[in-house]
Amino acid sequence: MNRIEAIYSFINLQDKVVDVGCDQAKLSLLLSKRNQSSIACDISINVINRAKENINSQLIDLRVSNGLSNVKKGEANTLVLSGMGTYTILDILNNTNLRFNKIITISNNYHDTLRKKMNELNYKVSEELIIKENNKYYNLILFTEGNKSYSEDELLLGTNHKDKEMYIEYLKYLLEKYNKIKESSKNKNEKIDKMINLINKKLK
């Protein structure tokens, strides 16, 4: 399962989807195959123009948009933010008054910050999924409206993972990564030590 297929698996037929940073509208194309309409946005007019050349579907609404600037209230209840960093995701959400029933993210970094800051925006982690694509791991997080308290390991390593086997594989990858960093570092790093301890506890 690649990232687009993984996102698709979290979308129901009744969801009104807007995909920001739409990557040639690949998700919208997949949704259109089951007769589901969606909005596909990108800040780059070139990306949207290339998508228009390759897409011939009345179900896909292609828009040039800086984040959610060209999306109106009521047009979507499900937001997809993938292939961007945590602070870009947060910037998009902090610059809109729109609210969503469901937000699906695949951030490139700082997943702990994303979980914490989304909670402050009143979006809680509902489910997570680790995806392995081209030998690289990606962390999909499904947020829904609400608020919750997280333990330290939930903030740092996630919670309610859908694919337990893939999650264990990911934890082992992280453990090896942090152990290598620790071995190559001359100075003590408390954050690395903390991550190693948390991951070891999870793997027991």
Foldseek 3Di string as FASTA:
>chain_A
DDPLVVVLVPDDQPFAEEEEQCQLVPNQVVCVVVPHAYEYEYLDPVSLVVSVVVDDDPRYHYDNDQQCRPPDEPNGQEYEAEDEALVSVVVSVVPDPHHHQKYKYWHPDQQLVNQVVVLVVQWHFDEWEWDADPNDIIIITMTGGHHDDDDPLCSVLNDHYPDVVVSLVVLVVLLVVLVVVCVPDPDDDPVSVVSNVSSVVVND
